[in-house]
Amino acid sequence: MTSFVPHLPLHDDKWVQAFAEQLKVERQYSIHTQSAYINHILVCKDLLTLKKWSSLTVEQVKRMVGLSKKAGLSARSIALRLSALRQFCHFLVEQHQLTQNPAEAVNAPKMGKLVPLPALTRTAPPRPAVAAPVPIKIAPLLRFYFDKWRIG
């Protein structure tokens, strides 16, 4: 029984193709992860209007982050895009296409902390109505108790 595996989108960049092959063969990423990484890398290339990856600079990576923010992407989406670009640039350094990884110098935008869902929906339970305590006169009770046991 063979299973159908969707193919990644076609592109003409030989380095992106080589990176996609590395994700598939060496790292054994799922087809969905491979597709997401390649799509993010190709979007970065389009945003920066790059002709050659060897000309990528830190300023361009910062510009890509700024353009992504301006386009309304969430901090998590931008962080994922930057992570894909970092790994791709690391691959290019290994292939001697870049001397250093320009994406390493750029920090991802800060992500807000998530509040657990139950904390958002939980409300304090109403306090039960408690009647005022009835004052007990203890002396008559003690007298009654000890009078029972009195000898004589």
C-alpha atoms as a PDB file:
ATOM      1  CA  MET A   1       0.000   0.000   0.000  1.00  0.00           C
ATOM      2  CA  THR A   2       1.533   3.304  -1.037  1.00  0.00           C
ATOM      3  CA  SER A   3       0.613   6.615   0.503  1.00  0.00           C
ATOM      4  CA  PHE A   4       0.270   9.839  -1.390  1.00  0.00           C
ATOM      5  CA  VAL A   5       2.850  12.452  -0.420  1.00  0.00           C
ATOM      6  CA  PRO A   6       2.249  15.963  -1.751  1.00  0.00           C
ATOM      7  CA  HIS A   7       5.194  17.630  -3.471  1.00  0.00           C
ATOM      8  CA  LEU A   8       6.666  20.957  -2.501  1.00  0.00           C
ATOM      9  CA  PRO A   9       5.957  23.926  -4.752  1.00  0.00           C
ATOM     10  CA  LEU A  10       8.308  24.266  -7.696  1.00  0.00           C
ATOM     11  CA  HIS A  11      10.827  27.078  -7.685  1.00  0.00           C
ATOM     12  CA  ASP A  12      13.849  27.973  -9.755  1.00  0.00           C
ATOM     13  CA  ASP A  13      16.312  28.703  -6.940  1.00  0.00           C
ATOM     14  CA  LYS A  14      18.912  25.924  -6.833  1.00  0.00           C
ATOM     15  CA  TRP A  15      19.932  26.719  -3.233  1.00  0.00           C
ATOM     16  CA  VAL A  16      16.356  26.584  -2.002  1.00  0.00           C
ATOM     17  CA  GLN A  17      15.964  23.264  -3.822  1.00  0.00           C
ATOM     18  CA  ALA A  18      19.136  21.938  -2.203  1.00  0.00           C
ATOM     19  CA  PHE A  19      17.938  23.109   1.226  1.00  0.00           C
ATOM     20  CA  ALA A  20      14.544  21.450   0.638  1.00  0.00           C
ATOM     21  CA  GLU A  21      16.372  18.226  -0.179  1.00  0.00           C
ATOM     22  CA  GLN A  22      18.399  18.510   3.034  1.00  0.00           C
ATOM     23  CA  LEU A  23      15.223  19.048   5.073  1.00  0.00           C
ATOM     24  CA  LYS A  24      13.725  15.959   3.485  1.00  0.00           C
ATOM     25  CA  VAL A  25      16.673  13.545   3.457  1.00  0.00           C
ATOM     26  CA  GLU A  26      19.082  14.549   6.230  1.00  0.00           C
ATOM     27  CA  ARG A  27      16.755  16.138   8.767  1.00  0.00           C
ATOM     28  CA  GLN A  28      13.732  14.015   7.832  1.00  0.00           C
ATOM     29  CA  TYR A  29      11.254  16.820   8.452  1.00  0.00           C
ATOM     30  CA  SER A  30       7.606  16.161   7.692  1.00  0.00           C
ATOM     31  CA  ILE A  31       6.281  17.318   4.341  1.00  0.00           C
ATOM     32  CA  HIS A  32       4.286  20.042   6.107  1.00  0.00           C
ATOM     33  CA  THR A  33       7.354  21.419   7.898  1.00  0.00           C
ATOM     34  CA  GLN A  34       9.364  21.305   4.678  1.00  0.00           C
ATOM     35  CA  SER A  35       6.623  23.145   2.823  1.00  0.00           C
ATOM     36  CA  ALA A  36       6.302  25.800   5.539  1.00  0.00           C
ATOM     37  CA  TYR A  37      10.061  26.428   5.647  1.00  0.00           C
ATOM     38  CA  ILE A  38      10.391  26.667   1.863  1.00  0.00           C
ATOM     39  CA  ASN A  39       7.371  28.969   1.611  1.00  0.00           C
ATOM     40  CA  HIS A  40       8.804  31.264   4.302  1.00  0.00           C
ATOM     41  CA  ILE A  41      12.180  31.372   2.559  1.00  0.00           C
ATOM     42  CA  LEU A  42      10.616  32.171  -0.810  1.00  0.00           C
ATOM     43  CA  VAL A  43       8.460  34.913   0.755  1.00  0.00           C
ATOM     44  CA  CYS A  44      11.606  36.398   2.300  1.00  0.00           C
ATOM     45  CA  LYS A  45      13.316  36.342  -1.076  1.00  0.00           C
ATOM     46  CA  ASP A  46      10.345  38.089  -2.680  1.00  0.00           C
ATOM     47  CA  LEU A  47      10.056  40.685   0.087  1.00  0.00           C
ATOM     48  CA  LEU A  48      13.727  41.551  -0.212  1.00  0.00           C
ATOM     49  CA  THR A  49      13.807  41.335  -4.023  1.00  0.00           C
ATOM     50  CA  LEU A  50      17.025  39.318  -3.843  1.00  0.00           C
ATOM     51  CA  LYS A  51      18.737  38.114  -7.000  1.00  0.00           C
ATOM     52  CA  LYS A  52      21.518  36.222  -5.198  1.00  0.00           C
ATOM     53  CA  TRP A  53      21.518  34.877  -1.656  1.00  0.00           C
ATOM     54  CA  SER A  54      25.187  35.801  -1.313  1.00  0.00           C
ATOM     55  CA  SER A  55      24.185  39.477  -1.207  1.00  0.00           C
ATOM     56  CA  LEU A  56      21.922  39.071   1.853  1.00  0.00           C
ATOM     57  CA  THR A  57      22.763  41.499   4.684  1.00  0.00           C
ATOM     58  CA  VAL A  58      21.674  42.054   8.278  1.00  0.00           C
ATOM     59  CA  GLU A  59      19.905  45.269   7.244  1.00  0.00           C
ATOM     60  CA  GLN A  60      17.855  43.377   4.673  1.00  0.00           C
ATOM     61  CA  VAL A  61      16.823  40.789   7.253  1.00  0.00           C
ATOM     62  CA  LYS A  62      15.760  43.606   9.603  1.00  0.00           C
ATOM     63  CA  ARG A  63      13.815  45.161   6.737  1.00  0.00           C
ATOM     64  CA  MET A  64      12.077  41.829   6.115  1.00  0.00           C
ATOM     65  CA  VAL A  65      11.022  41.685   9.785  1.00  0.00           C
ATOM     66  CA  GLY A  66       9.731  45.271   9.556  1.00  0.00           C
ATOM     67  CA  LEU A  67       7.787  44.552   6.364  1.00  0.00           C
ATOM     68  CA  SER A  68       6.275  41.470   7.970  1.00  0.00           C
ATOM     69  CA  LYS A  69       5.143  43.537  10.975  1.00  0.00           C
ATOM     70  CA  LYS A  70       3.718  46.166   8.653  1.00  0.00           C
ATOM     71  CA  ALA A  71       1.800  43.452   6.778  1.00  0.00           C
ATOM     72  CA  GLY A  72       0.098  42.533  10.064  1.00  0.00           C
ATOM     73  CA  LEU A  73       1.814  39.214  10.793  1.00  0.00           C
ATOM     74  CA  SER A  74       1.771  38.100  14.406  1.00  0.00           C
ATOM     75  CA  ALA A  75       4.994  37.953  16.405  1.00  0.00           C
ATOM     76  CA  ARG A  76       4.838  34.139  16.267  1.00  0.00           C
ATOM     77  CA  SER A  77       4.546  34.107  12.478  1.00  0.00           C
ATOM     78  CA  ILE A  78       7.447  36.518  12.124  1.00  0.00           C
ATOM     79  CA  ALA A  79       9.530  34.395  14.507  1.00  0.00           C
ATOM     80  CA  LEU A  80       8.784  31.303  12.404  1.00  0.00           C
ATOM     81  CA  ARG A  81       9.717  33.147   9.207  1.00  0.00           C
ATOM     82  CA  LEU A  82      12.957  34.356  10.793  1.00  0.00           C
ATOM     83  CA  SER A  83      13.739  30.857  12.091  1.00  0.00           C
ATOM     84  CA  ALA A  84      13.340  29.379   8.599  1.00  0.00           C
ATOM     85  CA  LEU A  85      15.595  32.088   7.167  1.00  0.00           C
ATOM     86  CA  ARG A  86      18.204  31.495   9.901  1.00  0.00           C
ATOM     87  CA  GLN A  87      18.359  27.783   9.148  1.00  0.00           C
ATOM     88  CA  PHE A  88      18.567  28.456   5.425  1.00  0.00           C
ATOM     89  CA  CYS A  89      21.368  30.977   5.925  1.00  0.00           C
ATOM     90  CA  HIS A  90      23.190  28.468   8.136  1.00  0.00           C
ATOM     91  CA  PHE A  91      22.900  26.002   5.247  1.00  0.00           C
ATOM     92  CA  LEU A  92      24.305  28.647   2.860  1.00  0.00           C
ATOM     93  CA  VAL A  93      27.258  29.241   5.209  1.00  0.00           C
ATOM     94  CA  GLU A  94      27.967  25.496   5.171  1.00  0.00           C
ATOM     95  CA  GLN A  95      27.812  25.589   1.371  1.00  0.00           C
ATOM     96  CA  HIS A  96      30.232  28.579   1.296  1.00  0.00           C
ATOM     97  CA  GLN A  97      27.647  30.861  -0.280  1.00  0.00           C
ATOM     98  CA  LEU A  98      27.649  33.222   2.711  1.00  0.00           C
ATOM     99  CA  THR A  99      30.588  34.094   4.951  1.00  0.00           C
ATOM    100  CA  GLN A 100      28.339  34.577   7.972  1.00  0.00           C
ATOM    101  CA  ASN A 101      24.683  34.132   8.865  1.00  0.00           C
ATOM    102  CA  PRO A 102      23.053  37.603   8.665  1.00  0.00           C
ATOM    103  CA  ALA A 103      19.797  36.330  10.186  1.00  0.00           C
ATOM    104  CA  GLU A 104      21.580  35.377  13.446  1.00  0.00           C
ATOM    105  CA  ALA A 105      22.093  39.052  14.290  1.00  0.00           C
ATOM    106  CA  VAL A 106      18.359  39.844  14.121  1.00  0.00           C
ATOM    107  CA  ASN A 107      16.103  39.152  17.087  1.00  0.00           C
ATOM    108  CA  ALA A 108      12.568  37.957  16.650  1.00  0.00           C
ATOM    109  CA  PRO A 109       9.859  40.299  17.942  1.00  0.00           C
ATOM    110  CA  LYS A 110       8.760  39.749  21.527  1.00  0.00           C
ATOM    111  CA  MET A 111       5.776  37.490  21.890  1.00  0.00           C
ATOM    112  CA  GLY A 112       3.111  38.201  24.433  1.00  0.00           C
ATOM    113  CA  LYS A 113       2.662  35.600  27.118  1.00  0.00           C
ATOM    114  CA  LEU A 114      -0.335  33.377  26.679  1.00  0.00           C
ATOM    115  CA  VAL A 115      -2.846  33.255  29.473  1.00  0.00           C
ATOM    116  CA  PRO A 116      -4.148  29.735  30.067  1.00  0.00           C
ATOM    117  CA  LEU A 117      -7.678  29.365  28.756  1.00  0.00           C
ATOM    118  CA  PRO A 118      -9.217  28.130  32.014  1.00  0.00           C
ATOM    119  CA  ALA A 119      -7.941  31.261  33.754  1.00  0.00           C
ATOM    120  CA  LEU A 120      -9.799  33.412  31.228  1.00  0.00           C
ATOM    121  CA  THR A 121     -13.112  31.650  31.685  1.00  0.00           C
ATOM    122  CA  ARG A 122     -12.883  30.859  35.363  1.00  0.00           C
ATOM    123  CA  THR A 123     -14.668  33.105  37.827  1.00  0.00           C
ATOM    124  CA  ALA A 124     -14.602  32.891  41.555  1.00  0.00           C
ATOM    125  CA  PRO A 125     -17.479  30.771  42.854  1.00  0.00           C
ATOM    126  CA  PRO A 126     -20.062  32.699  44.829  1.00  0.00           C
ATOM    127  CA  ARG A 127     -19.553  32.542  48.563  1.00  0.00           C
ATOM    128  CA  PRO A 128     -22.256  30.580  50.321  1.00  0.00           C
ATOM    129  CA  ALA A 129     -24.540  32.623  52.479  1.00  0.00           C
ATOM    130  CA  VAL A 130     -23.612  31.907  56.077  1.00  0.00           C
ATOM    131  CA  ALA A 131     -25.919  32.808  58.899  1.00  0.00           C
ATOM    132  CA  ALA A 132     -24.411  34.640  61.811  1.00  0.00           C
ATOM    133  CA  PRO A 133     -23.121  32.192  64.409  1.00  0.00           C
ATOM    134  CA  VAL A 134     -25.434  31.579  67.314  1.00  0.00           C
ATOM    135  CA  PRO A 135     -23.724  32.472  70.568  1.00  0.00           C
ATOM    136  CA  ILE A 136     -23.446  29.467  72.857  1.00  0.00           C
ATOM    137  CA  LYS A 137     -23.275  29.892  76.558  1.00  0.00           C
ATOM    138  CA  ILE A 138     -20.760  27.301  77.557  1.00  0.00           C
ATOM    139  CA  ALA A 139     -21.028  27.513  81.339  1.00  0.00           C
ATOM    140  CA  PRO A 140     -24.511  25.913  81.595  1.00  0.00           C
ATOM    141  CA  LEU A 141     -23.406  23.101  79.260  1.00  0.00           C
ATOM    142  CA  LEU A 142     -20.332  22.344  81.350  1.00  0.00           C
ATOM    143  CA  ARG A 143     -22.353  22.410  84.542  1.00  0.00           C
ATOM    144  CA  PHE A 144     -24.881  20.002  83.063  1.00  0.00           C
ATOM    145  CA  TYR A 145     -22.144  17.650  81.881  1.00  0.00           C
ATOM    146  CA  PHE A 146     -20.176  17.599  85.110  1.00  0.00           C
ATOM    147  CA  ASP A 147     -23.271  17.472  87.333  1.00  0.00           C
ATOM    148  CA  LYS A 148     -24.088  14.159  85.741  1.00  0.00           C
ATOM    149  CA  TRP A 149     -20.804  12.704  86.938  1.00  0.00           C
ATOM    150  CA  ARG A 150     -20.801  14.240  90.362  1.00  0.00           C
ATOM    151  CA  ILE A 151     -20.753  11.755  93.168  1.00  0.00           C
ATOM    152  CA  GLY A 152     -22.734  12.474  96.242  1.00  0.00           C
END
